[in-house]
Protein backbone atom coordinates (compact mmCIF):
# COMPACT_ATOMS: atom_id res chain seq x y z
CA MET A 1 0.10 -0.07 -0.18
CA GLN A 2 2.70 2.56 0.89
CA ARG A 3 4.49 1.66 -2.41
CA TRP A 4 1.24 2.26 -4.16
CA ILE A 5 0.96 5.65 -2.41
CA ALA A 6 4.29 6.59 -3.06
CA ALA A 7 3.93 5.63 -6.78
CA ALA A 8 0.71 7.76 -7.15
CA MET A 9 2.19 10.79 -5.46
CA ALA A 10 5.23 10.60 -7.63
CA LEU A 11 2.90 10.39 -10.88
CA ALA A 12 1.11 13.45 -9.57
CA GLY A 13 4.37 15.49 -9.16
CA VAL A 14 5.24 14.36 -12.61
CA VAL A 15 1.78 15.56 -14.14
CA ILE A 16 1.80 18.84 -12.05
CA GLY A 17 5.64 19.41 -12.95
CA ALA A 18 4.75 18.86 -16.57
CA SER A 19 1.54 21.26 -16.35
CA THR A 20 3.70 24.00 -14.76
CA ALA A 21 6.55 23.44 -17.37
CA ALA A 22 3.99 23.83 -20.09
CA ALA A 23 2.58 27.01 -18.70
CA GLN A 24 6.12 28.57 -18.27
CA ASP A 25 7.11 27.68 -21.98
CA TYR A 26 3.91 29.49 -23.17
CA PRO A 27 3.14 30.05 -26.03
CA VAL A 28 4.28 26.68 -27.95
CA LYS A 29 1.84 27.49 -30.70
CA PRO A 30 -0.26 30.11 -32.53
CA VAL A 31 -2.85 31.85 -30.31
CA ARG A 32 -6.33 32.75 -31.58
CA VAL A 33 -7.46 36.10 -30.32
CA VAL A 34 -11.15 36.72 -30.51
CA ILE A 35 -12.60 40.17 -31.28
CA PRO A 36 -16.26 40.13 -30.86
CA PHE A 37 -16.89 42.94 -33.46
CA ALA A 38 -16.54 43.35 -37.34
CA ALA A 39 -13.26 44.16 -38.93
CA GLY A 40 -12.34 47.52 -39.32
CA ALA A 41 -13.52 49.30 -35.98
CA GLY A 42 -11.42 50.78 -33.26
CA THR A 43 -11.47 47.38 -31.34
CA ASP A 44 -10.50 45.45 -34.44
CA LEU A 45 -7.61 48.16 -35.06
CA THR A 46 -6.20 48.31 -31.59
CA GLY A 47 -6.57 44.28 -31.38
CA ARG A 48 -4.32 43.79 -34.44
CA ILE A 49 -1.57 46.26 -33.22
CA VAL A 50 -1.50 44.30 -29.86
CA ALA A 51 -1.39 40.92 -31.60
CA GLN A 52 1.32 41.92 -33.85
CA GLU A 53 3.38 43.16 -30.69
CA LEU A 54 2.63 40.09 -28.72
CA SER A 55 3.60 37.87 -31.60
CA LYS A 56 7.05 39.62 -31.73
CA ARG A 57 7.52 39.27 -28.10
CA LEU A 58 6.41 35.99 -27.25
CA GLY A 59 7.66 34.01 -30.28
CA GLN A 60 4.59 32.49 -31.71
CA GLN A 61 1.66 34.12 -33.95
CA PHE A 62 -1.23 35.89 -32.11
CA PHE A 63 -3.84 35.69 -34.90
CA ILE A 64 -7.07 37.79 -35.07
CA GLU A 65 -10.52 35.94 -35.55
CA ASN A 66 -13.50 38.43 -35.78
CA LYS A 67 -16.69 36.93 -34.18
CA PRO A 68 -19.13 39.66 -34.37
CA GLY A 69 -22.90 39.22 -33.25
CA ALA A 70 -25.38 40.34 -30.65
CA ALA A 71 -23.69 43.46 -29.67
CA ALA A 72 -20.47 41.64 -28.76
CA GLN A 73 -22.13 38.75 -26.79
CA LEU A 74 -21.18 35.96 -29.26
CA GLY A 75 -17.53 36.33 -29.28
CA THR A 76 -17.37 37.18 -25.82
CA ASP A 77 -19.20 34.13 -24.76
CA LEU A 78 -17.05 31.95 -27.08
CA VAL A 79 -14.01 32.82 -25.16
CA ALA A 80 -15.67 32.46 -21.82
CA LYS A 81 -16.37 28.79 -22.66
CA ALA A 82 -13.28 28.12 -24.85
CA GLN A 83 -10.54 25.81 -23.42
CA ALA A 84 -8.64 27.68 -20.62
CA ASP A 85 -5.31 26.84 -21.99
CA GLY A 86 -3.91 30.36 -22.85
CA TYR A 87 -4.75 29.59 -26.58
CA THR A 88 -7.86 31.43 -26.98
CA LEU A 89 -8.15 34.99 -25.91
CA LEU A 90 -10.48 37.66 -26.01
CA TRP A 91 -9.46 41.43 -27.14
CA THR A 92 -12.54 43.63 -26.37
CA VAL A 93 -14.04 46.99 -25.56
CA THR A 94 -16.00 47.73 -22.43
CA ASP A 95 -19.39 47.03 -24.32
CA GLY A 96 -19.50 43.27 -23.96
CA LEU A 97 -17.79 43.07 -20.64
CA SER A 98 -19.52 45.97 -18.55
CA VAL A 99 -22.31 47.63 -20.75
CA LEU A 100 -24.26 44.72 -22.38
CA PRO A 101 -24.51 42.64 -19.08
CA ALA A 102 -25.83 45.84 -17.48
CA ILE A 103 -28.96 45.84 -19.57
CA LYS A 104 -29.58 42.18 -20.43
CA VAL A 105 -28.95 38.75 -19.23
CA VAL A 106 -25.90 37.30 -20.78
CA PRO A 107 -24.55 33.88 -20.84
CA TYR A 108 -21.42 34.91 -19.10
CA VAL A 109 -20.53 36.14 -15.71
CA ILE A 110 -18.64 39.15 -15.04
CA PRO A 111 -16.04 39.05 -13.80
CA ASP A 112 -15.97 35.45 -12.77
CA ASP A 113 -15.78 33.85 -16.28
CA PHE A 114 -12.57 35.80 -17.26
CA ALA A 115 -8.86 36.17 -16.37
CA PHE A 116 -8.08 39.83 -16.81
CA ILE A 117 -4.70 40.47 -18.56
CA GLY A 118 -4.71 43.96 -19.33
CA SER A 119 -6.15 47.10 -20.81
CA VAL A 120 -3.86 49.61 -22.84
CA ALA A 121 -5.90 52.31 -24.10
CA GLN A 122 -9.10 54.28 -23.38
CA GLN A 123 -11.20 56.52 -25.33
CA PRO A 124 -14.02 58.92 -24.12
CA TYR A 125 -16.97 60.40 -26.25
CA ALA A 126 -17.37 63.84 -27.60
CA VAL A 127 -20.75 65.18 -27.12
CA SER A 128 -21.29 66.79 -30.50
CA VAL A 129 -23.97 68.80 -31.89
CA TYR A 130 -25.19 69.83 -35.37
CA PRO A 131 -23.33 73.28 -36.19
CA LYS A 132 -26.57 75.14 -36.87
CA ALA A 133 -28.01 74.27 -33.38
CA PRO A 134 -28.90 77.27 -31.10
CA PHE A 135 -26.23 76.33 -28.63
CA ALA A 136 -22.62 76.67 -28.85
CA SER A 137 -21.56 75.18 -25.18
CA MET A 138 -22.77 72.51 -22.95
CA THR A 139 -24.13 75.10 -20.63
CA GLU A 140 -26.07 76.50 -23.40
CA PHE A 141 -27.27 73.16 -24.57
CA VAL A 142 -28.43 72.07 -20.89
CA ALA A 143 -30.38 75.33 -20.63
CA HIS A 144 -31.86 75.08 -24.16
CA ALA A 145 -33.08 71.48 -23.10
CA LYS A 146 -34.74 72.54 -20.10
CA ALA A 147 -36.46 75.25 -21.83
CA ASN A 148 -37.70 72.76 -24.45
CA PRO A 149 -38.36 69.39 -22.45
CA GLY A 150 -38.91 66.52 -24.99
CA LYS A 151 -38.24 68.65 -27.97
CA LEU A 152 -34.43 67.91 -28.42
CA ASN A 153 -33.59 64.33 -29.69
CA TYR A 154 -30.40 62.50 -29.63
CA GLY A 155 -29.25 59.56 -31.81
CA SER A 156 -27.10 56.37 -30.48
CA ALA A 157 -25.59 53.24 -31.68
CA GLY A 158 -28.82 51.28 -30.54
CA VAL A 159 -30.91 50.69 -27.50
CA GLY A 160 -28.58 49.88 -24.75
CA SER A 161 -25.37 50.63 -26.38
CA ALA A 162 -22.78 52.83 -24.58
CA PRO A 163 -23.64 56.04 -26.20
CA HIS A 164 -27.14 55.61 -25.33
CA LEU A 165 -26.18 55.16 -21.85
CA VAL A 166 -23.74 57.90 -21.52
CA ILE A 167 -26.51 60.37 -22.87
CA ALA A 168 -29.02 58.84 -20.41
CA MET A 169 -26.37 59.49 -17.69
CA ILE A 170 -25.70 63.02 -18.97
CA SER A 171 -29.70 63.60 -19.15
CA THR A 172 -30.09 62.29 -15.43
CA ALA A 173 -27.39 64.51 -14.20
CA ALA A 174 -28.47 67.62 -16.07
CA GLY A 175 -32.24 67.05 -15.33
CA ILE A 176 -33.23 67.32 -18.90
CA GLN A 177 -35.60 65.36 -21.10
CA MET A 178 -34.73 64.44 -24.70
CA VAL A 179 -36.19 61.75 -27.20
CA HIS A 180 -33.91 58.86 -27.99
CA VAL A 181 -33.35 57.94 -31.96
CA PRO A 182 -31.56 54.70 -31.90
CA PHE A 183 -29.44 53.59 -34.95
CA ALA A 184 -27.77 50.51 -36.24
CA GLY A 185 -24.23 51.68 -35.11
CA LEU A 186 -22.35 54.61 -34.29
CA GLY A 187 -21.74 55.37 -38.00
CA PRO A 188 -25.32 55.95 -39.11
CA ALA A 189 -26.00 57.81 -35.76
CA THR A 190 -22.92 60.09 -36.66
CA ASN A 191 -24.30 60.77 -40.36
CA ALA A 192 -27.60 61.63 -38.73
CA LEU A 193 -26.07 64.04 -36.71
CA MET A 194 -24.24 65.59 -39.52
CA ALA A 195 -27.25 65.98 -41.56
CA GLY A 196 -29.38 67.69 -38.74
CA THR A 197 -31.78 64.87 -38.42
CA VAL A 198 -30.86 64.55 -34.68
CA ASP A 199 -29.81 67.42 -32.37
CA VAL A 200 -27.18 65.72 -30.47
CA GLY A 201 -24.92 62.53 -30.53
CA LEU A 202 -21.55 60.98 -29.26
CA VAL A 203 -18.67 60.47 -31.33
CA THR A 204 -15.00 59.36 -30.43
CA PRO A 205 -12.65 62.62 -30.31
CA VAL A 206 -10.63 60.98 -33.29
CA GLN A 207 -13.67 60.47 -35.48
CA VAL A 208 -15.26 63.85 -34.73
CA LYS A 209 -11.84 66.06 -35.06
CA PRO A 210 -11.95 66.35 -38.72
CA TYR A 211 -15.59 67.33 -38.90
CA VAL A 212 -14.89 69.94 -36.01
CA GLU A 213 -12.07 71.31 -38.07
CA THR A 214 -14.31 71.74 -41.18
CA GLY A 215 -17.28 72.99 -39.29
CA ALA A 216 -19.49 69.94 -39.92
CA LEU A 217 -19.95 69.15 -36.34
CA ARG A 218 -19.27 71.04 -33.00
CA ALA A 219 -18.15 69.43 -30.09
CA LEU A 220 -19.25 70.56 -26.48
CA ALA A 221 -17.61 68.49 -24.23
CA VAL A 222 -15.83 65.26 -23.72
CA SER A 223 -16.65 62.37 -21.24
CA SER A 224 -13.43 61.51 -19.76
CA LYS A 225 -12.15 62.86 -16.52
CA LYS A 226 -9.26 64.73 -18.12
CA ARG A 227 -9.27 66.57 -21.30
CA SER A 228 -8.81 64.66 -24.51
CA ARG A 229 -5.44 65.21 -26.15
CA VAL A 230 -7.31 64.85 -29.61
CA LEU A 231 -9.41 68.01 -28.43
CA PRO A 232 -7.56 69.87 -26.09
CA ASN A 233 -9.93 72.55 -26.29
CA VAL A 234 -12.90 70.89 -25.33
CA PRO A 235 -13.72 70.91 -21.76
CA THR A 236 -14.81 67.70 -19.84
CA LEU A 237 -18.47 67.45 -18.69
CA GLU A 238 -17.06 67.74 -15.17
CA GLU A 239 -15.61 71.07 -16.12
CA THR A 240 -19.20 72.17 -17.43
CA GLY A 241 -20.72 71.43 -14.03
CA LEU A 242 -21.95 67.94 -14.67
CA PRO A 243 -20.87 65.00 -12.56
CA VAL A 244 -20.49 62.58 -15.45
CA SER A 245 -17.30 60.63 -16.60
CA ALA A 246 -17.29 57.52 -19.00
CA VAL A 247 -14.73 55.90 -21.10
CA VAL A 248 -14.36 52.94 -23.20
CA ALA A 249 -11.20 50.77 -22.45
CA TYR A 250 -9.83 48.53 -25.09
CA GLY A 251 -8.29 45.19 -23.24
CA LEU A 252 -7.42 41.48 -23.39
CA THR A 253 -8.66 38.47 -21.25
CA ALA A 254 -8.50 34.85 -21.11
CA PRO A 255 -10.98 32.21 -19.79
CA ALA A 256 -11.08 32.22 -16.02
CA ARG A 257 -9.44 28.91 -15.33
CA THR A 258 -6.37 29.89 -17.73
CA PRO A 259 -3.09 28.53 -15.66
CA PRO A 260 -1.87 31.30 -13.39
CA SER A 261 1.71 31.26 -15.02
CA THR A 262 0.30 31.54 -18.55
CA VAL A 263 -2.06 34.68 -17.28
CA ALA A 264 1.20 36.07 -15.61
CA ARG A 265 3.33 35.94 -18.62
CA LEU A 266 0.79 37.52 -20.56
CA ARG A 267 0.36 40.31 -18.15
CA ILE A 268 4.07 40.88 -18.17
CA ALA A 269 4.25 41.11 -21.90
CA MET A 270 1.43 43.54 -21.78
CA ASP A 271 3.10 45.56 -19.09
CA GLU A 272 6.26 45.68 -21.34
CA LEU A 273 4.13 46.78 -24.08
CA MET A 274 2.86 49.74 -22.32
CA LYS A 275 6.57 50.75 -21.25
CA ASP A 276 7.74 50.82 -24.72
CA LYS A 277 7.47 54.42 -26.11
CA THR A 278 7.09 53.25 -29.84
CA PHE A 279 4.11 51.14 -29.03
CA THR A 280 2.30 53.90 -26.92
CA ASP A 281 3.39 56.81 -29.72
CA ARG A 282 1.42 54.62 -32.19
CA PHE A 283 -1.61 54.65 -30.16
CA ASN A 284 -1.36 58.19 -29.60
CA GLU A 285 -0.88 58.92 -33.27
CA LEU A 286 -4.18 56.94 -33.99
CA GLY A 287 -6.10 59.15 -31.36
CA PHE A 288 -6.26 56.71 -28.60
CA GLU A 289 -5.36 57.43 -24.88
CA PRO A 290 -2.89 54.89 -23.71
CA ASP A 291 -3.56 54.28 -20.20
CA PRO A 292 -2.24 50.73 -18.65
CA LEU A 293 -4.52 48.85 -16.46
CA ILE A 294 -2.80 45.46 -15.81
CA GLY A 295 -4.20 42.29 -14.07
CA ASP A 296 -6.48 43.38 -11.08
CA ALA A 297 -6.53 46.92 -11.87
CA TYR A 298 -8.32 46.09 -15.25
CA ARG A 299 -10.69 43.77 -13.34
CA ASP A 300 -11.50 46.42 -10.94
CA PHE A 301 -12.05 48.76 -13.71
CA ILE A 302 -14.60 46.61 -15.43
CA VAL A 303 -16.36 45.78 -12.10
CA GLN A 304 -16.68 49.42 -11.28
CA ASP A 305 -17.94 50.10 -15.00
CA LEU A 306 -20.31 47.55 -14.87
CA GLU A 307 -21.88 48.59 -11.63
CA GLN A 308 -22.10 52.16 -12.85
CA TRP A 309 -23.98 51.09 -15.98
CA ARG A 310 -26.37 49.00 -14.06
CA ASN A 311 -27.29 52.03 -12.07
CA VAL A 312 -27.60 54.17 -15.21
CA ALA A 313 -29.74 51.53 -16.89
CA LYS A 314 -31.95 51.02 -13.88
CA ALA A 315 -32.57 54.72 -13.49
CA ALA A 316 -33.08 55.32 -17.25
CA ALA A 317 -35.36 51.98 -17.29
CA VAL A 318 -32.95 50.59 -20.24
CA LYS A 319 -33.41 46.93 -20.69
CA ILE A 320 -33.21 44.41 -23.32
CA ASP A 321 -35.18 41.20 -23.40
CA ASN A 322 -33.42 38.10 -24.39
């Protein structure tokens, strides 16, 4: 019996040792990075840059696989239920991790179903208006909206989208009432704003900047806590007297049961990326705001963001039935 126990313990030690060694040698084959959005958008662009850099640093190809659908739910759930070996990862923006779960029941649990690697950049929204609108500042806009309750409308990327919830949060903080006009994506919503079909909308600073420069749109405020480097002359919402701040964060996660040493290796690689000026300069040039959140800091951000959107959705009675 003692010999049998000793043999079993030795075998267990071999298995555990082999598993640990495999994790330390990670990666030994190509890594799939799922993006739950279509190719061409900001999440896709940032994800491809990060995948390219991780390929260089870790010696294996990190390849992108776009899995759009159900407002990021499809690709996010795919990774949550993938084999937890470090070879299927999720590159996403906060929409699927903290916005969508705030307004509907999703088949994954935040944060329990993911191991959080790191977020490399954030972007705020710019509150933007049609240039012929009778207000040139956020203060004038709020005053006009209060004097004309229910007469102004705003466009968004759809019911329950981040732009919808951000404007709902602004409306609550400002004590104003507007009509929501949902579109099938931020692109159509921006086009409607430029055409004057809607009075106000949210556009990312990098997207709105050329329109501001040509006079096609007017930016009244940005939703971040500090001014956007892309629109340095545009005040934050807090500077205009509204206690509102919201950003989207781009980051990398893995399935929850991924080996800790594999997660640690990925976190170290992401941390090294953020210390590489060439890498951060590239993000700056593209209009993103480099802001590293590695490991637990990224997890905490998502948890807090989810709680914020749950409160906003409840206050605005925003809910999507499955």
